[in-house]
PDB file of N, CA and C in Angstrom:
ATOM      1  N   MET A   1      31.723  19.241   5.118  1.00  0.00           N
ATOM      2  CA  MET A   1      30.744  19.091   6.100  1.00  0.00           C
ATOM      3  C   MET A   1      31.683  17.584   6.716  1.00  0.00           C
ATOM      4  N   SER A   2      31.439  17.358   7.533  1.00  0.00           N
ATOM      5  CA  SER A   2      32.128  16.121   8.326  1.00  0.00           C
ATOM      6  C   SER A   2      31.593  14.784   8.042  1.00  0.00           C
ATOM      7  N   ALA A   3      32.313  13.727   8.112  1.00  0.00           N
ATOM      8  CA  ALA A   3      31.917  12.388   7.912  1.00  0.00           C
ATOM      9  C   ALA A   3      31.018  12.106   8.949  1.00  0.00           C
ATOM     10  N   HIS A   4      30.682  12.535  10.369  1.00  0.00           N
ATOM     11  CA  HIS A   4      29.601  12.624  10.625  1.00  0.00           C
ATOM     12  C   HIS A   4      28.281  12.889   9.953  1.00  0.00           C
ATOM     13  N   ALA A   5      28.259  14.410   9.490  1.00  0.00           N
ATOM     14  CA  ALA A   5      26.884  14.833   9.381  1.00  0.00           C
ATOM     15  C   ALA A   5      26.948  14.193   7.606  1.00  0.00           C
ATOM     16  N   LEU A   6      27.957  13.830   7.025  1.00  0.00           N
ATOM     17  CA  LEU A   6      27.479  13.016   5.425  1.00  0.00           C
ATOM     18  C   LEU A   6      26.628  11.669   6.049  1.00  0.00           C
ATOM     19  N   PHE A   7      27.447  10.929   7.077  1.00  0.00           N
ATOM     20  CA  PHE A   7      26.641   9.571   7.407  1.00  0.00           C
ATOM     21  C   PHE A   7      25.235   9.634   7.766  1.00  0.00           C
ATOM     22  N   VAL A   8      24.940  10.708   8.568  1.00  0.00           N
ATOM     23  CA  VAL A   8      23.584  10.972   8.694  1.00  0.00           C
ATOM     24  C   VAL A   8      22.706  11.524   8.000  1.00  0.00           C
ATOM     25  N   THR A   9      23.251  12.438   7.152  1.00  0.00           N
ATOM     26  CA  THR A   9      22.625  12.745   5.870  1.00  0.00           C
ATOM     27  C   THR A   9      22.057  11.631   4.901  1.00  0.00           C
ATOM     28  N   ALA A  10      22.580  10.617   4.311  1.00  0.00           N
ATOM     29  CA  ALA A  10      22.879   9.732   4.176  1.00  0.00           C
ATOM     30  C   ALA A  10      21.634   8.708   4.048  1.00  0.00           C
ATOM     31  N   ALA A  11      21.827   8.202   5.526  1.00  0.00           N
ATOM     32  CA  ALA A  11      21.261   7.936   6.205  1.00  0.00           C
ATOM     33  C   ALA A  11      19.657   7.558   6.191  1.00  0.00           C
ATOM     34  N   TYR A  12      19.562   9.257   6.565  1.00  0.00           N
ATOM     35  CA  TYR A  12      18.148  10.074   6.551  1.00  0.00           C
ATOM     36  C   TYR A  12      17.443   9.964   5.081  1.00  0.00           C
ATOM     37  N   ALA A  13      18.719   9.938   4.016  1.00  0.00           N
ATOM     38  CA  ALA A  13      18.110  10.146   2.524  1.00  0.00           C
ATOM     39  C   ALA A  13      17.772   8.892   2.535  1.00  0.00           C
ATOM     40  N   ILE A  14      18.315   7.747   2.649  1.00  0.00           N
ATOM     41  CA  ILE A  14      18.127   6.057   2.186  1.00  0.00           C
ATOM     42  C   ILE A  14      16.699   5.844   2.997  1.00  0.00           C
ATOM     43  N   THR A  15      16.614   6.372   4.114  1.00  0.00           N
ATOM     44  CA  THR A  15      15.118   6.006   4.891  1.00  0.00           C
ATOM     45  C   THR A  15      14.479   6.554   4.599  1.00  0.00           C
ATOM     46  N   ALA A  16      14.159   7.981   3.609  1.00  0.00           N
ATOM     47  CA  ALA A  16      13.407   8.607   3.068  1.00  0.00           C
ATOM     48  C   ALA A  16      12.574   7.641   1.923  1.00  0.00           C
ATOM     49  N   VAL A  17      13.702   7.667   0.954  1.00  0.00           N
ATOM     50  CA  VAL A  17      13.511   6.620  -0.207  1.00  0.00           C
ATOM     51  C   VAL A  17      12.962   5.263  -0.182  1.00  0.00           C
ATOM     52  N   VAL A  18      13.297   4.579   1.135  1.00  0.00           N
ATOM     53  CA  VAL A  18      12.728   3.614   1.419  1.00  0.00           C
ATOM     54  C   VAL A  18      11.181   3.490   1.688  1.00  0.00           C
ATOM     55  N   LEU A  19      10.810   4.516   2.797  1.00  0.00           N
ATOM     56  CA  LEU A  19       9.822   4.813   3.223  1.00  0.00           C
ATOM     57  C   LEU A  19       8.213   4.910   1.865  1.00  0.00           C
ATOM     58  N   ALA A  20       9.326   6.125   0.711  1.00  0.00           N
ATOM     59  CA  ALA A  20       8.400   6.686  -0.394  1.00  0.00           C
ATOM     60  C   ALA A  20       8.126   5.251  -1.223  1.00  0.00           C
ATOM     61  N   GLY A  21       8.851   4.490  -1.220  1.00  0.00           N
ATOM     62  CA  GLY A  21       8.802   3.501  -1.696  1.00  0.00           C
ATOM     63  C   GLY A  21       7.413   2.326  -1.354  1.00  0.00           C
ATOM     64  N   LEU A  22       7.824   1.877  -0.067  1.00  0.00           N
ATOM     65  CA  LEU A  22       7.010   1.375   0.737  1.00  0.00           C
ATOM     66  C   LEU A  22       5.372   2.120   0.491  1.00  0.00           C
ATOM     67  N   ILE A  23       5.203   2.888   0.618  1.00  0.00           N
ATOM     68  CA  ILE A  23       4.065   3.756   0.393  1.00  0.00           C
ATOM     69  C   ILE A  23       3.630   3.869  -0.614  1.00  0.00           C
ATOM     70  N   GLY A  24       4.162   3.646  -1.756  1.00  0.00           N
ATOM     71  CA  GLY A  24       4.110   3.382  -3.076  1.00  0.00           C
ATOM     72  C   GLY A  24       3.543   2.343  -3.589  1.00  0.00           C
ATOM     73  N   TRP A  25       4.652   1.340  -2.583  1.00  0.00           N
ATOM     74  CA  TRP A  25       3.812  -0.255  -2.910  1.00  0.00           C
ATOM     75  C   TRP A  25       2.462  -0.404  -2.354  1.00  0.00           C
ATOM     76  N   VAL A  26       2.380   0.222  -1.251  1.00  0.00           N
ATOM     77  CA  VAL A  26       0.960   0.089  -0.730  1.00  0.00           C
ATOM     78  C   VAL A  26      -0.409   0.538  -1.456  1.00  0.00           C
ATOM     79  N   LEU A  27       0.455   1.634  -2.063  1.00  0.00           N
ATOM     80  CA  LEU A  27      -1.133   2.053  -2.957  1.00  0.00           C
ATOM     81  C   LEU A  27      -1.120   1.584  -4.164  1.00  0.00           C
ATOM     82  N   LEU A  28      -0.002   0.980  -4.585  1.00  0.00           N
ATOM     83  CA  LEU A  28      -0.117   0.392  -5.572  1.00  0.00           C
ATOM     84  C   LEU A  28      -1.042  -0.744  -5.642  1.00  0.00           C
ATOM     85  N   ASP A  29      -0.912  -1.251  -4.537  1.00  0.00           N
ATOM     86  CA  ASP A  29      -1.395  -2.904  -4.151  1.00  0.00           C
ATOM     87  C   ASP A  29      -2.760  -2.565  -3.995  1.00  0.00           C
ATOM     88  N   GLN A  30      -3.055  -1.363  -3.044  1.00  0.00           N
ATOM     89  CA  GLN A  30      -4.611  -1.252  -3.010  1.00  0.00           C
ATOM     90  C   GLN A  30      -5.463  -0.980  -4.295  1.00  0.00           C
ATOM     91  N   ARG A  31      -4.336  -0.357  -5.101  1.00  0.00           N
ATOM     92  CA  ARG A  31      -5.163   0.127  -6.359  1.00  0.00           C
ATOM     93  C   ARG A  31      -5.488  -1.294  -6.946  1.00  0.00           C
ATOM     94  N   ALA A  32      -4.823  -2.644  -6.922  1.00  0.00           N
ATOM     95  CA  ALA A  32      -5.055  -3.844  -7.709  1.00  0.00           C
ATOM     96  C   ALA A  32      -6.133  -4.265  -6.745  1.00  0.00           C
ATOM     97  N   ARG A  33      -6.036  -4.293  -5.229  1.00  0.00           N
ATOM     98  CA  ARG A  33      -6.667  -4.920  -4.994  1.00  0.00           C
ATOM     99  C   ARG A  33      -8.288  -5.348  -5.258  1.00  0.00           C
ATOM    100  N   ARG A  34      -8.515  -3.345  -4.936  1.00  0.00           N
ATOM    101  CA  ARG A  34      -9.931  -2.616  -5.484  1.00  0.00           C
ATOM    102  C   ARG A  34     -10.580  -3.279  -6.846  1.00  0.00           C
ATOM    103  N   ARG A  35      -9.200  -3.370  -7.689  1.00  0.00           N
ATOM    104  CA  ARG A  35      -9.593  -3.516  -9.019  1.00  0.00           C
ATOM    105  C   ARG A  35     -10.341  -5.168  -9.142  1.00  0.00           C
ATOM    106  N   GLU A  36      -9.473  -6.010  -8.287  1.00  0.00           N
ATOM    107  CA  GLU A  36      -9.786  -7.198  -8.554  1.00  0.00           C
ATOM    108  C   GLU A  36     -11.162  -7.475  -7.282  1.00  0.00           C
ATOM    109  N   LEU A  37     -11.373  -6.629  -6.263  1.00  0.00           N
ATOM    110  CA  LEU A  37     -12.429  -6.981  -5.762  1.00  0.00           C
ATOM    111  C   LEU A  37     -13.892  -6.649  -6.425  1.00  0.00           C
ATOM    112  N   ALA A  38     -13.553  -5.552  -7.205  1.00  0.00           N
ATOM    113  CA  ALA A  38     -15.106  -4.927  -8.325  1.00  0.00           C
ATOM    114  C   ALA A  38     -15.267  -5.586  -9.110  1.00  0.00           C
ATOM    115  N   ALA A  39     -14.172  -6.441 -10.098  1.00  0.00           N
ATOM    116  CA  ALA A  39     -14.355  -7.176 -10.957  1.00  0.00           C
ATOM    117  C   ALA A  39     -15.152  -8.712 -10.460  1.00  0.00           C
ATOM    118  N   LEU A  40     -14.502  -9.197  -9.066  1.00  0.00           N
ATOM    119  CA  LEU A  40     -15.515 -10.806  -8.088  1.00  0.00           C
ATOM    120  C   LEU A  40     -16.766 -10.231  -7.997  1.00  0.00           C
ATOM    121  N   GLU A  41     -17.102  -8.924  -7.319  1.00  0.00           N
ATOM    122  CA  GLU A  41     -18.471  -8.159  -7.359  1.00  0.00           C
ATOM    123  C   GLU A  41     -19.066  -8.259  -8.715  1.00  0.00           C
ATOM    124  N   ALA A  42     -18.477  -7.980  -9.514  1.00  0.00           N
ATOM    125  CA  ALA A  42     -19.526  -7.405 -10.819  1.00  0.00           C
ATOM    126  C   ALA A  42     -19.642  -9.268 -11.361  1.00  0.00           C
ATOM    127  N   ALA A  43     -18.582 -10.379 -11.056  1.00  0.00           N
ATOM    128  CA  ALA A  43     -19.130 -11.563 -11.615  1.00  0.00           C
ATOM    129  C   ALA A  43     -20.090 -12.283 -10.825  1.00  0.00           C
ATOM    130  N   GLY A  44     -20.777 -11.379  -9.753  1.00  0.00           N
ATOM    131  CA  GLY A  44     -21.475 -12.270  -8.988  1.00  0.00           C
ATOM    132  C   GLY A  44     -21.133 -12.804  -7.299  1.00  0.00           C
ATOM    133  N   VAL A  45     -19.929 -12.663  -7.273  1.00  0.00           N
ATOM    134  CA  VAL A  45     -19.158 -13.373  -6.193  1.00  0.00           C
ATOM    135  C   VAL A  45     -19.626 -12.596  -4.723  1.00  0.00           C
ATOM    136  N   ARG A  46     -19.782 -12.570  -3.966  1.00  0.00           N
ATOM    137  CA  ARG A  46     -20.263 -11.210  -3.130  1.00  0.00           C
ATOM    138  C   ARG A  46     -19.507 -11.965  -1.804  1.00  0.00           C
ATOM    139  N   ARG A  47     -19.362 -11.230  -0.273  1.00  0.00           N
ATOM    140  CA  ARG A  47     -18.651 -11.584   0.302  1.00  0.00           C
ATOM    141  C   ARG A  47     -19.387 -11.898   1.529  1.00  0.00           C
ATOM    142  N   ARG A  48     -18.746 -12.627   2.303  1.00  0.00           N
ATOM    143  CA  ARG A  48     -19.241 -13.920   3.407  1.00  0.00           C
ATOM    144  C   ARG A  48     -20.134 -12.749   4.152  1.00  0.00           C
ATOM    145  N   SER A  49     -19.521 -11.361   4.514  1.00  0.00           N
ATOM    146  CA  SER A  49     -20.201 -10.690   5.569  1.00  0.00           C
ATOM    147  C   SER A  49     -21.590 -10.185   4.794  1.00  0.00           C
ATOM    148  N   ASP A  50     -21.876 -10.597   3.616  1.00  0.00           N
ATOM    149  CA  ASP A  50     -23.336  -9.967   3.018  1.00  0.00           C
ATOM    150  C   ASP A  50     -24.627 -10.682   3.690  1.00  0.00           C
ATOM    151  N   LYS A  51     -23.762 -12.027   3.905  1.00  0.00           N
ATOM    152  CA  LYS A  51     -24.997 -12.889   4.467  1.00  0.00           C
ATOM    153  C   LYS A  51     -25.369 -13.058   5.610  1.00  0.00           C
ATOM    154  N   ALA A  52     -24.695 -12.197   6.158  1.00  0.00           N
ATOM    155  CA  ALA A  52     -25.459 -11.839   7.833  1.00  0.00           C
ATOM    156  C   ALA A  52     -26.108 -10.469   8.113  1.00  0.00           C
ATOM    157  N   VAL A  53     -26.318  -9.367   7.253  1.00  0.00           N
ATOM    158  CA  VAL A  53     -27.141  -8.647   7.050  1.00  0.00           C
ATOM    159  C   VAL A  53     -28.008  -9.160   6.036  1.00  0.00           C
ATOM    160  N   LYS A  54     -29.511  -9.700   6.744  1.00  0.00           N
ATOM    161  CA  LYS A  54     -30.646  -9.825   6.214  1.00  0.00           C
ATOM    162  C   LYS A  54     -31.939  -8.693   6.254  1.00  0.00           C
ATOM    163  N   PRO A  55     -32.217  -8.001   5.167  1.00  0.00           N
ATOM    164  CA  PRO A  55     -33.324  -6.591   5.086  1.00  0.00           C
ATOM    165  C   PRO A  55     -34.568  -7.470   5.951  1.00  0.00           C
TER     166      PRO A  55
END
């Protein structure tokens, strides 16, 4: 394998690892925010947008 091919392969591998890490981080953060929101709603805290809707 030439030095150029090795460099390109390493660059793609590092990019894939970084992207996988970012996707994982976003998914974990989403789960945490959903848990926080559920806890707030269970405690009776409502969203401001709920006030705009009047049945």
